[in-house]
Amino acid sequence: MFVKDCMTTSPITISKNTPILEALEKMKKLKIRQLPVTDKGRLVGLVTERELLTVTPSPATTLSVFEMNYLLSKMVVGEVMVKDPITVNPDTTIEEAALIMRENKIGSMLVMEEDELVGIITQTDIFDAFIEFFSIKRAGTRLVLQVHDRVGAIADLTEIIRDMNINIRGLVIHRKDNDIVHMVVRVSTVEPEPLVKELEARGIPVISVN
């Protein structure tokens, strides 16, 4: 799965000269937390709800309502936006995008194709992608198996599941140490008892069934 499969295409943008209160109102209305910032059609930055709220006066301020409104009316998005935001291209893998966001502690990234803004991908999009990986919204059973890390372990597992005429909806490996891994596999059956018995009979311990 790639960024282009998960991103929001044709994202709503905002001018760098937009007052911050107007930007906040737009975010609230559209139920979004970030807006790409453009200048004459060219991407120049990214503004997030967090940045905008950071510069607004707190309830404990000694400023009067008139003073607050005056100061805020003078502030525009261009003063608080993130310049040169981190971007990815549509063919970036979803796991690479997740890693970049995690390492840089950011909640979204703009998607660029050459010099054109073509999308935006957020943490929510990443979560949705991993939910899709495991087909959580479809009927099935999640098994956690403990196996030795060796060549052919996955092939042995898939052969057993195939012989029982069951589909695999998702599979991921969780390494426990150098020799042992946990295989987390989601299968199509909602009656896993026969499969569990067969796996354990073949020497594959099943440590969790959900």
N, C-alpha and C. Protein backbone atom coordinates (compact mmCIF):
# COMPACT_ATOMS: atom_id res chain seq x y z
N MET A 1 0.85 -1.19 0.00
CA MET A 1 0.00 0.00 0.00
C MET A 1 0.88 1.24 0.00
N PHE A 2 0.47 2.22 -0.81
CA PHE A 2 1.26 3.44 -0.96
C PHE A 2 0.47 4.65 -0.47
N VAL A 3 1.19 5.76 -0.30
CA VAL A 3 0.56 7.00 0.14
C VAL A 3 -0.60 7.37 -0.77
N LYS A 4 -0.44 7.18 -2.07
CA LYS A 4 -1.50 7.55 -3.02
C LYS A 4 -2.78 6.76 -2.80
N ASP A 5 -2.68 5.61 -2.13
CA ASP A 5 -3.87 4.80 -1.86
C ASP A 5 -4.64 5.29 -0.64
N CYS A 6 -4.01 6.11 0.19
CA CYS A 6 -4.61 6.50 1.47
C CYS A 6 -4.83 8.00 1.63
N MET A 7 -4.13 8.80 0.85
CA MET A 7 -4.14 10.25 1.05
C MET A 7 -5.48 10.88 0.66
N THR A 8 -5.72 12.07 1.18
CA THR A 8 -6.83 12.90 0.74
C THR A 8 -6.35 13.69 -0.46
N THR A 9 -7.00 13.51 -1.58
CA THR A 9 -6.59 14.20 -2.80
C THR A 9 -7.18 15.61 -2.87
N SER A 10 -6.53 16.45 -3.67
CA SER A 10 -6.98 17.84 -3.86
C SER A 10 -7.31 18.51 -2.52
N PRO A 11 -6.35 18.59 -1.61
CA PRO A 11 -6.62 19.14 -0.28
C PRO A 11 -7.00 20.62 -0.33
N ILE A 12 -7.82 21.02 0.61
CA ILE A 12 -8.21 22.42 0.73
C ILE A 12 -6.99 23.22 1.19
N THR A 13 -6.74 24.34 0.55
CA THR A 13 -5.59 25.17 0.89
C THR A 13 -6.05 26.53 1.43
N ILE A 14 -5.09 27.29 1.93
CA ILE A 14 -5.40 28.60 2.48
C ILE A 14 -4.27 29.55 2.12
N SER A 15 -4.58 30.82 1.95
CA SER A 15 -3.57 31.82 1.61
C SER A 15 -2.75 32.19 2.84
N LYS A 16 -1.49 32.55 2.61
CA LYS A 16 -0.64 32.94 3.74
C LYS A 16 -1.09 34.26 4.36
N ASN A 17 -1.93 35.01 3.66
CA ASN A 17 -2.43 36.29 4.17
C ASN A 17 -3.78 36.15 4.89
N THR A 18 -4.23 34.92 5.09
CA THR A 18 -5.50 34.68 5.78
C THR A 18 -5.33 34.95 7.28
N PRO A 19 -6.23 35.72 7.89
CA PRO A 19 -6.16 35.92 9.34
C PRO A 19 -6.26 34.59 10.07
N ILE A 20 -5.57 34.46 11.20
CA ILE A 20 -5.54 33.19 11.90
C ILE A 20 -6.92 32.79 12.43
N LEU A 21 -7.75 33.77 12.81
CA LEU A 21 -9.09 33.44 13.29
C LEU A 21 -9.94 32.84 12.17
N GLU A 22 -9.74 33.36 10.98
CA GLU A 22 -10.46 32.81 9.83
C GLU A 22 -9.99 31.39 9.52
N ALA A 23 -8.69 31.15 9.67
CA ALA A 23 -8.15 29.81 9.43
C ALA A 23 -8.70 28.83 10.47
N LEU A 24 -8.76 29.25 11.74
CA LEU A 24 -9.31 28.40 12.79
C LEU A 24 -10.77 28.07 12.53
N GLU A 25 -11.52 29.08 12.09
CA GLU A 25 -12.93 28.87 11.80
C GLU A 25 -13.12 27.88 10.66
N LYS A 26 -12.26 27.98 9.66
CA LYS A 26 -12.35 27.05 8.53
C LYS A 26 -12.05 25.62 8.98
N MET A 27 -11.03 25.46 9.82
CA MET A 27 -10.70 24.13 10.33
C MET A 27 -11.87 23.55 11.12
N LYS A 28 -12.49 24.38 11.95
CA LYS A 28 -13.61 23.93 12.77
C LYS A 28 -14.78 23.52 11.88
N LYS A 29 -15.06 24.32 10.88
CA LYS A 29 -16.18 24.04 9.99
C LYS A 29 -15.96 22.76 9.19
N LEU A 30 -14.74 22.56 8.71
CA LEU A 30 -14.42 21.40 7.87
C LEU A 30 -13.99 20.18 8.67
N LYS A 31 -13.83 20.35 9.99
CA LYS A 31 -13.41 19.27 10.88
C LYS A 31 -12.05 18.70 10.47
N ILE A 32 -11.10 19.61 10.24
CA ILE A 32 -9.74 19.22 9.91
C ILE A 32 -8.78 19.95 10.85
N ARG A 33 -7.53 19.48 10.91
CA ARG A 33 -6.58 20.06 11.86
C ARG A 33 -5.36 20.66 11.19
N GLN A 34 -5.31 20.66 9.88
CA GLN A 34 -4.18 21.24 9.18
C GLN A 34 -4.61 21.73 7.81
N LEU A 35 -3.93 22.77 7.33
CA LEU A 35 -4.22 23.34 6.02
C LEU A 35 -2.91 23.68 5.32
N PRO A 36 -2.73 23.21 4.10
CA PRO A 36 -1.58 23.66 3.30
C PRO A 36 -1.72 25.15 3.01
N VAL A 37 -0.60 25.85 3.02
CA VAL A 37 -0.60 27.30 2.78
C VAL A 37 0.02 27.58 1.41
N THR A 38 -0.67 28.36 0.61
CA THR A 38 -0.19 28.66 -0.74
C THR A 38 -0.05 30.17 -0.94
N ASP A 39 0.77 30.50 -1.91
CA ASP A 39 0.96 31.90 -2.32
C ASP A 39 1.03 31.91 -3.84
N LYS A 40 0.00 32.48 -4.46
CA LYS A 40 -0.09 32.51 -5.92
C LYS A 40 -0.03 31.11 -6.52
N GLY A 41 -0.70 30.17 -5.83
CA GLY A 41 -0.77 28.81 -6.32
C GLY A 41 0.43 27.94 -5.98
N ARG A 42 1.42 28.51 -5.32
CA ARG A 42 2.63 27.77 -4.97
C ARG A 42 2.62 27.42 -3.49
N LEU A 43 2.95 26.17 -3.16
CA LEU A 43 2.99 25.75 -1.76
C LEU A 43 4.11 26.47 -1.03
N VAL A 44 3.77 27.09 0.11
CA VAL A 44 4.78 27.81 0.89
C VAL A 44 4.84 27.35 2.34
N GLY A 45 3.90 26.52 2.76
CA GLY A 45 3.93 26.08 4.15
C GLY A 45 2.74 25.24 4.54
N LEU A 46 2.67 24.96 5.82
CA LEU A 46 1.57 24.18 6.40
C LEU A 46 1.24 24.79 7.75
N VAL A 47 -0.04 24.96 8.02
CA VAL A 47 -0.47 25.48 9.31
C VAL A 47 -1.37 24.44 9.97
N THR A 48 -1.16 24.25 11.26
CA THR A 48 -1.96 23.27 12.00
C THR A 48 -2.77 23.97 13.08
N GLU A 49 -3.80 23.28 13.53
CA GLU A 49 -4.64 23.82 14.58
C GLU A 49 -3.82 24.11 15.83
N ARG A 50 -2.87 23.24 16.13
CA ARG A 50 -2.05 23.42 17.33
C ARG A 50 -1.27 24.72 17.26
N GLU A 51 -0.67 25.02 16.10
CA GLU A 51 0.10 26.25 15.98
C GLU A 51 -0.78 27.48 16.13
N LEU A 52 -1.97 27.42 15.56
CA LEU A 52 -2.87 28.56 15.65
C LEU A 52 -3.34 28.78 17.08
N LEU A 53 -3.64 27.69 17.78
CA LEU A 53 -4.09 27.84 19.16
C LEU A 53 -2.96 28.31 20.07
N THR A 54 -1.73 28.00 19.71
CA THR A 54 -0.58 28.42 20.51
C THR A 54 -0.44 29.93 20.55
N VAL A 55 -0.78 30.58 19.44
CA VAL A 55 -0.59 32.04 19.38
C VAL A 55 -1.81 32.82 19.81
N THR A 56 -2.94 32.15 20.06
CA THR A 56 -4.11 32.87 20.54
C THR A 56 -4.00 33.07 22.05
N PRO A 57 -4.51 34.17 22.57
CA PRO A 57 -4.38 34.45 24.01
C PRO A 57 -5.11 33.39 24.85
N SER A 58 -4.54 33.07 26.00
CA SER A 58 -5.17 32.12 26.91
C SER A 58 -6.30 32.81 27.68
N PRO A 59 -7.21 32.03 28.28
CA PRO A 59 -8.29 32.63 29.07
C PRO A 59 -7.79 33.45 30.25
N ALA A 60 -6.53 33.21 30.66
CA ALA A 60 -5.98 33.92 31.81
C ALA A 60 -5.34 35.25 31.44
N THR A 61 -5.40 35.62 30.17
CA THR A 61 -4.75 36.85 29.74
C THR A 61 -5.37 38.08 30.40
N THR A 62 -4.57 39.12 30.57
CA THR A 62 -5.06 40.37 31.14
C THR A 62 -5.54 41.33 30.06
N LEU A 63 -5.42 40.91 28.80
CA LEU A 63 -5.87 41.76 27.71
C LEU A 63 -7.39 41.84 27.68
N SER A 64 -7.90 42.97 27.28
CA SER A 64 -9.35 43.10 27.11
C SER A 64 -9.78 42.41 25.83
N VAL A 65 -11.08 42.17 25.69
CA VAL A 65 -11.61 41.55 24.48
C VAL A 65 -11.25 42.39 23.27
N PHE A 66 -11.35 43.70 23.42
CA PHE A 66 -11.02 44.60 22.31
C PHE A 66 -9.56 44.45 21.91
N GLU A 67 -8.67 44.40 22.92
CA GLU A 67 -7.24 44.27 22.63
C GLU A 67 -6.93 42.92 21.97
N MET A 68 -7.57 41.86 22.47
CA MET A 68 -7.33 40.54 21.89
C MET A 68 -7.78 40.49 20.44
N ASN A 69 -8.99 40.98 20.19
CA ASN A 69 -9.51 40.95 18.82
C ASN A 69 -8.66 41.80 17.89
N TYR A 70 -8.14 42.90 18.40
CA TYR A 70 -7.30 43.76 17.57
C TYR A 70 -6.00 43.04 17.20
N LEU A 71 -5.36 42.44 18.21
CA LEU A 71 -4.09 41.75 17.96
C LEU A 71 -4.28 40.56 17.01
N LEU A 72 -5.33 39.80 17.23
CA LEU A 72 -5.57 38.62 16.40
C LEU A 72 -5.93 39.01 14.97
N SER A 73 -6.63 40.12 14.83
CA SER A 73 -7.01 40.56 13.48
C SER A 73 -5.80 40.95 12.65
N LYS A 74 -4.70 41.27 13.33
CA LYS A 74 -3.48 41.67 12.64
C LYS A 74 -2.59 40.48 12.29
N MET A 75 -2.83 39.35 12.91
CA MET A 75 -1.98 38.18 12.67
C MET A 75 -2.53 37.34 11.53
N VAL A 76 -1.63 36.93 10.67
CA VAL A 76 -2.04 36.11 9.52
C VAL A 76 -1.31 34.77 9.56
N VAL A 77 -1.83 33.85 8.78
CA VAL A 77 -1.31 32.49 8.75
C VAL A 77 0.19 32.45 8.45
N GLY A 78 0.63 33.33 7.55
CA GLY A 78 2.04 33.33 7.16
C GLY A 78 3.00 33.54 8.31
N GLU A 79 2.53 34.13 9.42
CA GLU A 79 3.40 34.40 10.57
C GLU A 79 3.60 33.18 11.45
N VAL A 80 2.71 32.21 11.37
CA VAL A 80 2.79 31.07 12.29
C VAL A 80 2.92 29.72 11.58
N MET A 81 2.87 29.73 10.26
CA MET A 81 2.91 28.47 9.52
C MET A 81 4.28 27.81 9.60
N VAL A 82 4.30 26.52 9.34
CA VAL A 82 5.55 25.77 9.21
C VAL A 82 6.06 25.96 7.79
N LYS A 83 7.21 26.58 7.67
CA LYS A 83 7.79 26.77 6.35
C LYS A 83 8.57 25.52 5.94
N ASP A 84 8.60 25.25 4.66
CA ASP A 84 9.28 24.06 4.14
C ASP A 84 8.85 22.79 4.89
N PRO A 85 7.56 22.48 4.93
CA PRO A 85 7.10 21.28 5.64
C PRO A 85 7.63 20.02 4.98
N ILE A 86 7.74 18.97 5.77
CA ILE A 86 8.18 17.68 5.24
C ILE A 86 7.13 17.15 4.28
N THR A 87 7.57 16.68 3.12
CA THR A 87 6.65 16.17 2.12
C THR A 87 7.07 14.77 1.68
N VAL A 88 6.14 14.07 1.05
CA VAL A 88 6.42 12.77 0.45
C VAL A 88 5.80 12.76 -0.93
N ASN A 89 6.15 11.75 -1.72
CA ASN A 89 5.52 11.63 -3.04
C ASN A 89 4.48 10.52 -3.00
N PRO A 90 3.60 10.47 -3.97
CA PRO A 90 2.50 9.50 -3.94
C PRO A 90 2.94 8.04 -3.88
N ASP A 91 4.15 7.74 -4.36
CA ASP A 91 4.61 6.36 -4.39
C ASP A 91 5.40 5.95 -3.15
N THR A 92 5.44 6.81 -2.15
CA THR A 92 6.05 6.44 -0.86
C THR A 92 5.19 5.36 -0.21
N THR A 93 5.83 4.32 0.34
CA THR A 93 5.06 3.26 1.00
C THR A 93 4.42 3.80 2.28
N ILE A 94 3.31 3.19 2.66
CA ILE A 94 2.59 3.67 3.83
C ILE A 94 3.41 3.48 5.10
N GLU A 95 4.21 2.40 5.15
CA GLU A 95 5.02 2.18 6.35
C GLU A 95 6.16 3.19 6.44
N GLU A 96 6.70 3.59 5.28
CA GLU A 96 7.75 4.62 5.29
C GLU A 96 7.18 5.96 5.73
N ALA A 97 5.97 6.26 5.27
CA ALA A 97 5.31 7.50 5.67
C ALA A 97 5.07 7.51 7.18
N ALA A 98 4.65 6.38 7.72
CA ALA A 98 4.42 6.28 9.17
C ALA A 98 5.72 6.51 9.94
N LEU A 99 6.82 5.94 9.44
CA LEU A 99 8.11 6.11 10.10
C LEU A 99 8.56 7.56 10.07
N ILE A 100 8.40 8.23 8.94
CA ILE A 100 8.79 9.64 8.82
C ILE A 100 7.99 10.50 9.80
N MET A 101 6.69 10.26 9.86
CA MET A 101 5.85 11.04 10.77
C MET A 101 6.23 10.79 12.22
N ARG A 102 6.52 9.53 12.54
CA ARG A 102 6.89 9.19 13.92
C ARG A 102 8.23 9.80 14.30
N GLU A 103 9.22 9.72 13.43
CA GLU A 103 10.55 10.24 13.74
C GLU A 103 10.56 11.75 13.85
N ASN A 104 9.69 12.41 13.09
CA ASN A 104 9.65 13.87 13.10
C ASN A 104 8.55 14.43 14.01
N LYS A 105 7.80 13.52 14.66
CA LYS A 105 6.75 13.91 15.60
C LYS A 105 5.76 14.88 14.97
N ILE A 106 5.26 14.52 13.78
CA ILE A 106 4.29 15.35 13.08
C ILE A 106 3.03 14.54 12.82
N GLY A 107 1.91 15.24 12.65
CA GLY A 107 0.63 14.56 12.49
C GLY A 107 0.15 14.45 11.07
N SER A 108 0.88 15.06 10.13
CA SER A 108 0.46 15.00 8.74
C SER A 108 1.64 15.34 7.84
N MET A 109 1.52 14.98 6.57
CA MET A 109 2.52 15.34 5.57
C MET A 109 1.80 15.68 4.26
N LEU A 110 2.36 16.64 3.58
CA LEU A 110 1.83 17.00 2.27
C LEU A 110 2.42 16.08 1.22
N VAL A 111 1.63 15.79 0.21
CA VAL A 111 2.05 14.87 -0.85
C VAL A 111 2.28 15.68 -2.12
N MET A 112 3.52 15.63 -2.61
CA MET A 112 3.90 16.43 -3.77
C MET A 112 4.28 15.53 -4.94
N GLU A 113 3.85 15.90 -6.10
CA GLU A 113 4.28 15.24 -7.33
C GLU A 113 4.97 16.29 -8.17
N GLU A 114 6.31 16.21 -8.19
CA GLU A 114 7.15 17.28 -8.72
C GLU A 114 6.85 18.54 -7.92
N ASP A 115 6.35 19.61 -8.52
CA ASP A 115 6.08 20.84 -7.78
C ASP A 115 4.60 21.04 -7.50
N GLU A 116 3.81 20.02 -7.71
CA GLU A 116 2.36 20.15 -7.55
C GLU A 116 1.88 19.45 -6.28
N LEU A 117 1.07 20.16 -5.50
CA LEU A 117 0.45 19.58 -4.31
C LEU A 117 -0.72 18.70 -4.76
N VAL A 118 -0.62 17.40 -4.49
CA VAL A 118 -1.66 16.47 -4.96
C VAL A 118 -2.43 15.82 -3.82
N GLY A 119 -1.97 16.01 -2.57
CA GLY A 119 -2.70 15.37 -1.48
C GLY A 119 -2.11 15.69 -0.11
N ILE A 120 -2.76 15.16 0.89
CA ILE A 120 -2.27 15.27 2.26
C ILE A 120 -2.57 13.95 2.95
N ILE A 121 -1.62 13.47 3.75
CA ILE A 121 -1.82 12.22 4.50
C ILE A 121 -1.64 12.52 5.97
N THR A 122 -2.54 12.01 6.80
CA THR A 122 -2.55 12.29 8.23
C THR A 122 -2.39 11.01 9.04
N GLN A 123 -2.23 11.18 10.34
CA GLN A 123 -2.15 10.03 11.24
C GLN A 123 -3.40 9.16 11.11
N THR A 124 -4.55 9.80 10.97
CA THR A 124 -5.80 9.04 10.83
C THR A 124 -5.77 8.17 9.59
N ASP A 125 -5.20 8.68 8.50
CA ASP A 125 -5.09 7.88 7.27
C ASP A 125 -4.18 6.68 7.50
N ILE A 126 -3.11 6.88 8.27
CA ILE A 126 -2.20 5.77 8.59
C ILE A 126 -2.92 4.71 9.41
N PHE A 127 -3.68 5.16 10.41
CA PHE A 127 -4.44 4.22 11.24
C PHE A 127 -5.44 3.43 10.38
N ASP A 128 -6.13 4.13 9.49
CA ASP A 128 -7.11 3.47 8.62
C ASP A 128 -6.44 2.41 7.75
N ALA A 129 -5.21 2.72 7.29
CA ALA A 129 -4.49 1.77 6.44
C ALA A 129 -4.16 0.50 7.20
N PHE A 130 -3.70 0.63 8.45
CA PHE A 130 -3.36 -0.56 9.22
C PHE A 130 -4.61 -1.34 9.62
N ILE A 131 -5.71 -0.66 9.83
CA ILE A 131 -6.98 -1.35 10.06
C ILE A 131 -7.35 -2.17 8.83
N GLU A 132 -7.13 -1.58 7.66
CA GLU A 132 -7.42 -2.29 6.41
C GLU A 132 -6.49 -3.47 6.23
N PHE A 133 -5.21 -3.33 6.62
CA PHE A 133 -4.26 -4.43 6.50
C PHE A 133 -4.80 -5.70 7.15
N PHE A 134 -5.44 -5.53 8.30
CA PHE A 134 -5.91 -6.68 9.07
C PHE A 134 -7.38 -7.01 8.84
N SER A 135 -8.02 -6.26 7.94
CA SER A 135 -9.44 -6.52 7.63
C SER A 135 -10.27 -6.61 8.91
N ILE A 136 -10.02 -5.70 9.85
CA ILE A 136 -10.69 -5.75 11.14
C ILE A 136 -12.20 -5.58 11.01
N LYS A 137 -12.62 -4.86 9.99
CA LYS A 137 -14.05 -4.61 9.81
C LYS A 137 -14.78 -5.77 9.15
N ARG A 138 -14.03 -6.80 8.76
CA ARG A 138 -14.64 -7.99 8.16
C ARG A 138 -14.64 -9.13 9.16
N ALA A 139 -15.61 -10.01 9.03
CA ALA A 139 -15.72 -11.14 9.96
C ALA A 139 -14.48 -12.02 9.88
N GLY A 140 -14.03 -12.50 11.02
CA GLY A 140 -12.86 -13.36 11.05
C GLY A 140 -12.33 -13.55 12.45
N THR A 141 -11.17 -14.18 12.55
CA THR A 141 -10.54 -14.48 13.84
C THR A 141 -9.07 -14.10 13.79
N ARG A 142 -8.58 -13.56 14.90
CA ARG A 142 -7.17 -13.17 15.02
C ARG A 142 -6.46 -14.21 15.88
N LEU A 143 -5.41 -14.79 15.33
CA LEU A 143 -4.61 -15.78 16.05
C LEU A 143 -3.19 -15.25 16.24
N VAL A 144 -2.62 -15.54 17.40
CA VAL A 144 -1.20 -15.24 17.63
C VAL A 144 -0.49 -16.58 17.83
N LEU A 145 0.49 -16.85 16.97
CA LEU A 145 1.20 -18.12 17.00
C LEU A 145 2.66 -17.89 17.37
N GLN A 146 3.23 -18.79 18.12
CA GLN A 146 4.65 -18.69 18.49
C GLN A 146 5.44 -19.71 17.69
N VAL A 147 6.40 -19.22 16.92
CA VAL A 147 7.18 -20.12 16.07
C VAL A 147 8.66 -19.74 16.14
N HIS A 148 9.48 -20.68 15.76
CA HIS A 148 10.91 -20.41 15.65
C HIS A 148 11.17 -19.64 14.35
N ASP A 149 12.07 -18.69 14.44
CA ASP A 149 12.41 -17.88 13.27
C ASP A 149 13.29 -18.72 12.33
N ARG A 150 12.66 -19.27 11.32
CA ARG A 150 13.40 -20.14 10.40
C ARG A 150 12.81 -20.02 9.00
N VAL A 151 13.60 -20.40 8.03
CA VAL A 151 13.13 -20.40 6.64
C VAL A 151 12.00 -21.43 6.50
N GLY A 152 10.90 -21.03 5.90
CA GLY A 152 9.80 -21.95 5.65
C GLY A 152 8.69 -21.91 6.67
N ALA A 153 8.86 -21.14 7.76
CA ALA A 153 7.84 -21.10 8.81
C ALA A 153 6.51 -20.57 8.28
N ILE A 154 6.56 -19.51 7.49
CA ILE A 154 5.33 -18.94 6.94
C ILE A 154 4.71 -19.90 5.93
N ALA A 155 5.54 -20.56 5.14
CA ALA A 155 5.03 -21.51 4.14
C ALA A 155 4.29 -22.66 4.82
N ASP A 156 4.84 -23.15 5.94
CA ASP A 156 4.18 -24.22 6.68
C ASP A 156 2.82 -23.77 7.19
N LEU A 157 2.77 -22.56 7.72
CA LEU A 157 1.52 -22.02 8.26
C LEU A 157 0.47 -21.87 7.16
N THR A 158 0.86 -21.24 6.06
CA THR A 158 -0.12 -21.01 4.99
C THR A 158 -0.61 -22.32 4.37
N GLU A 159 0.25 -23.32 4.36
CA GLU A 159 -0.17 -24.63 3.82
C GLU A 159 -1.26 -25.25 4.69
N ILE A 160 -1.08 -25.17 6.00
CA ILE A 160 -2.08 -25.72 6.92
C ILE A 160 -3.41 -25.00 6.75
N ILE A 161 -3.36 -23.67 6.69
CA ILE A 161 -4.59 -22.88 6.56
C ILE A 161 -5.26 -23.15 5.21
N ARG A 162 -4.46 -23.27 4.17
CA ARG A 162 -5.01 -23.57 2.84
C ARG A 162 -5.70 -24.92 2.82
N ASP A 163 -5.07 -25.93 3.42
CA ASP A 163 -5.64 -27.27 3.42
C ASP A 163 -6.97 -27.33 4.16
N MET A 164 -7.21 -26.35 5.04
CA MET A 164 -8.48 -26.32 5.76
C MET A 164 -9.49 -25.39 5.08
N ASN A 165 -9.12 -24.96 3.87
CA ASN A 165 -10.01 -24.13 3.05
C ASN A 165 -10.40 -22.82 3.75
N ILE A 166 -9.40 -22.18 4.36
CA ILE A 166 -9.61 -20.92 5.07
C ILE A 166 -8.73 -19.85 4.42
N ASN A 167 -9.29 -18.67 4.29
CA ASN A 167 -8.53 -17.55 3.72
C ASN A 167 -7.75 -16.80 4.80
N ILE A 168 -6.58 -16.31 4.42
CA ILE A 168 -5.81 -15.41 5.30
C ILE A 168 -6.15 -13.98 4.92
N ARG A 169 -6.61 -13.20 5.91
CA ARG A 169 -6.96 -11.80 5.65
C ARG A 169 -5.80 -10.85 5.96
N GLY A 170 -4.92 -11.25 6.86
CA GLY A 170 -3.77 -10.42 7.19
C GLY A 170 -2.74 -11.21 7.97
N LEU A 171 -1.46 -10.82 7.82
CA LEU A 171 -0.38 -11.54 8.50
C LEU A 171 0.75 -10.58 8.80
N VAL A 172 1.24 -10.59 10.05
CA VAL A 172 2.36 -9.74 10.41
C VAL A 172 3.24 -10.51 11.39
N ILE A 173 4.53 -10.20 11.36
CA ILE A 173 5.51 -10.87 12.23
C ILE A 173 5.95 -9.92 13.34
N HIS A 174 5.85 -10.38 14.58
CA HIS A 174 6.32 -9.61 15.73
C HIS A 174 7.49 -10.36 16.36
N ARG A 175 8.69 -9.81 16.23
CA ARG A 175 9.88 -10.49 16.74
C ARG A 175 9.96 -10.35 18.26
N LYS A 176 10.11 -11.49 18.94
CA LYS A 176 10.23 -11.50 20.39
C LYS A 176 11.70 -11.54 20.83
N ASP A 177 12.52 -12.38 20.18
CA ASP A 177 13.96 -12.41 20.41
C ASP A 177 14.61 -12.96 19.14
N ASN A 178 15.86 -13.35 19.22
CA ASN A 178 16.58 -13.78 18.01
C ASN A 178 16.04 -15.08 17.42
N ASP A 179 15.41 -15.90 18.25
CA ASP A 179 14.97 -17.21 17.78
C ASP A 179 13.46 -17.37 17.69
N ILE A 180 12.72 -16.58 18.46
CA ILE A 180 11.27 -16.75 18.53
C ILE A 180 10.56 -15.52 17.95
N VAL A 181 9.54 -15.78 17.15
CA VAL A 181 8.69 -14.71 16.64
C VAL A 181 7.23 -15.07 16.90
N HIS A 182 6.40 -14.04 16.97
CA HIS A 182 4.97 -14.24 17.03
C HIS A 182 4.38 -13.90 15.66
N MET A 183 3.65 -14.84 15.10
CA MET A 183 2.92 -14.57 13.87
C MET A 183 1.50 -14.16 14.25
N VAL A 184 1.12 -12.98 13.89
CA VAL A 184 -0.25 -12.51 14.11
C VAL A 184 -0.98 -12.66 12.79
N VAL A 185 -1.93 -13.58 12.75
CA VAL A 185 -2.62 -13.89 11.51
C VAL A 185 -4.12 -13.74 11.71
N ARG A 186 -4.76 -13.06 10.78
CA ARG A 186 -6.22 -12.92 10.81
C ARG A 186 -6.79 -13.77 9.69
N VAL A 187 -7.68 -14.67 10.05
CA VAL A 187 -8.24 -15.61 9.09
C VAL A 187 -9.74 -15.38 8.94
N SER A 188 -10.29 -15.92 7.86
CA SER A 188 -11.68 -15.62 7.51
C SER A 188 -12.70 -16.34 8.37
N THR A 189 -12.32 -17.45 9.00
CA THR A 189 -13.30 -18.23 9.75
C THR A 189 -13.66 -17.58 11.09
N VAL A 190 -14.92 -17.74 11.48
CA VAL A 190 -15.35 -17.30 12.81
C VAL A 190 -15.48 -18.49 13.75
N GLU A 191 -15.12 -19.66 13.26
CA GLU A 191 -15.10 -20.88 14.08
C GLU A 191 -13.69 -21.47 14.02
N PRO A 192 -12.76 -20.90 14.80
CA PRO A 192 -11.34 -21.25 14.67
C PRO A 192 -10.90 -22.54 15.36
N GLU A 193 -11.81 -23.18 16.12
CA GLU A 193 -11.39 -24.33 16.93
C GLU A 193 -10.69 -25.43 16.13
N PRO A 194 -11.24 -25.86 14.98
CA PRO A 194 -10.55 -26.91 14.21
C PRO A 194 -9.15 -26.48 13.75
N LEU A 195 -9.04 -25.22 13.34
CA LEU A 195 -7.73 -24.72 12.90
C LEU A 195 -6.75 -24.68 14.06
N VAL A 196 -7.20 -24.23 15.22
CA VAL A 196 -6.33 -24.16 16.40
C VAL A 196 -5.83 -25.56 16.75
N LYS A 197 -6.72 -26.54 16.74
CA LYS A 197 -6.32 -27.92 17.06
C LYS A 197 -5.29 -28.44 16.07
N GLU A 198 -5.50 -28.13 14.78
CA GLU A 198 -4.57 -28.61 13.76
C GLU A 198 -3.21 -27.94 13.89
N LEU A 199 -3.19 -26.67 14.17
CA LEU A 199 -1.92 -25.96 14.34
C LEU A 199 -1.14 -26.52 15.51
N GLU A 200 -1.81 -26.73 16.63
CA GLU A 200 -1.12 -27.24 17.81
C GLU A 200 -0.68 -28.69 17.61
N ALA A 201 -1.47 -29.44 16.84
CA ALA A 201 -1.08 -30.82 16.52
C ALA A 201 0.18 -30.85 15.66
N ARG A 202 0.38 -29.79 14.88
CA ARG A 202 1.57 -29.68 14.02
C ARG A 202 2.74 -29.02 14.74
N GLY A 203 2.59 -28.78 16.02
CA GLY A 203 3.68 -28.20 16.79
C GLY A 203 3.78 -26.70 16.73
N ILE A 204 2.66 -26.02 16.41
CA ILE A 204 2.64 -24.56 16.36
C ILE A 204 1.76 -24.06 17.49
N PRO A 205 2.33 -23.61 18.61
CA PRO A 205 1.52 -23.15 19.74
C PRO A 205 0.68 -21.92 19.39
N VAL A 206 -0.59 -21.95 19.75
CA VAL A 206 -1.48 -20.81 19.58
C VAL A 206 -1.62 -20.13 20.93
N ILE A 207 -1.12 -18.93 21.06
CA ILE A 207 -1.08 -18.27 22.39
C ILE A 207 -2.21 -17.27 22.57
N SER A 208 -2.96 -16.98 21.49
CA SER A 208 -4.08 -16.05 21.63
C SER A 208 -5.06 -16.29 20.50
N VAL A 209 -6.36 -16.23 20.85
CA VAL A 209 -7.44 -16.36 19.86
C VAL A 209 -8.45 -15.29 20.14
N ASN A 210 -8.70 -14.41 19.18
CA ASN A 210 -9.68 -13.33 19.35
C ASN A 210 -10.57 -13.24 18.11
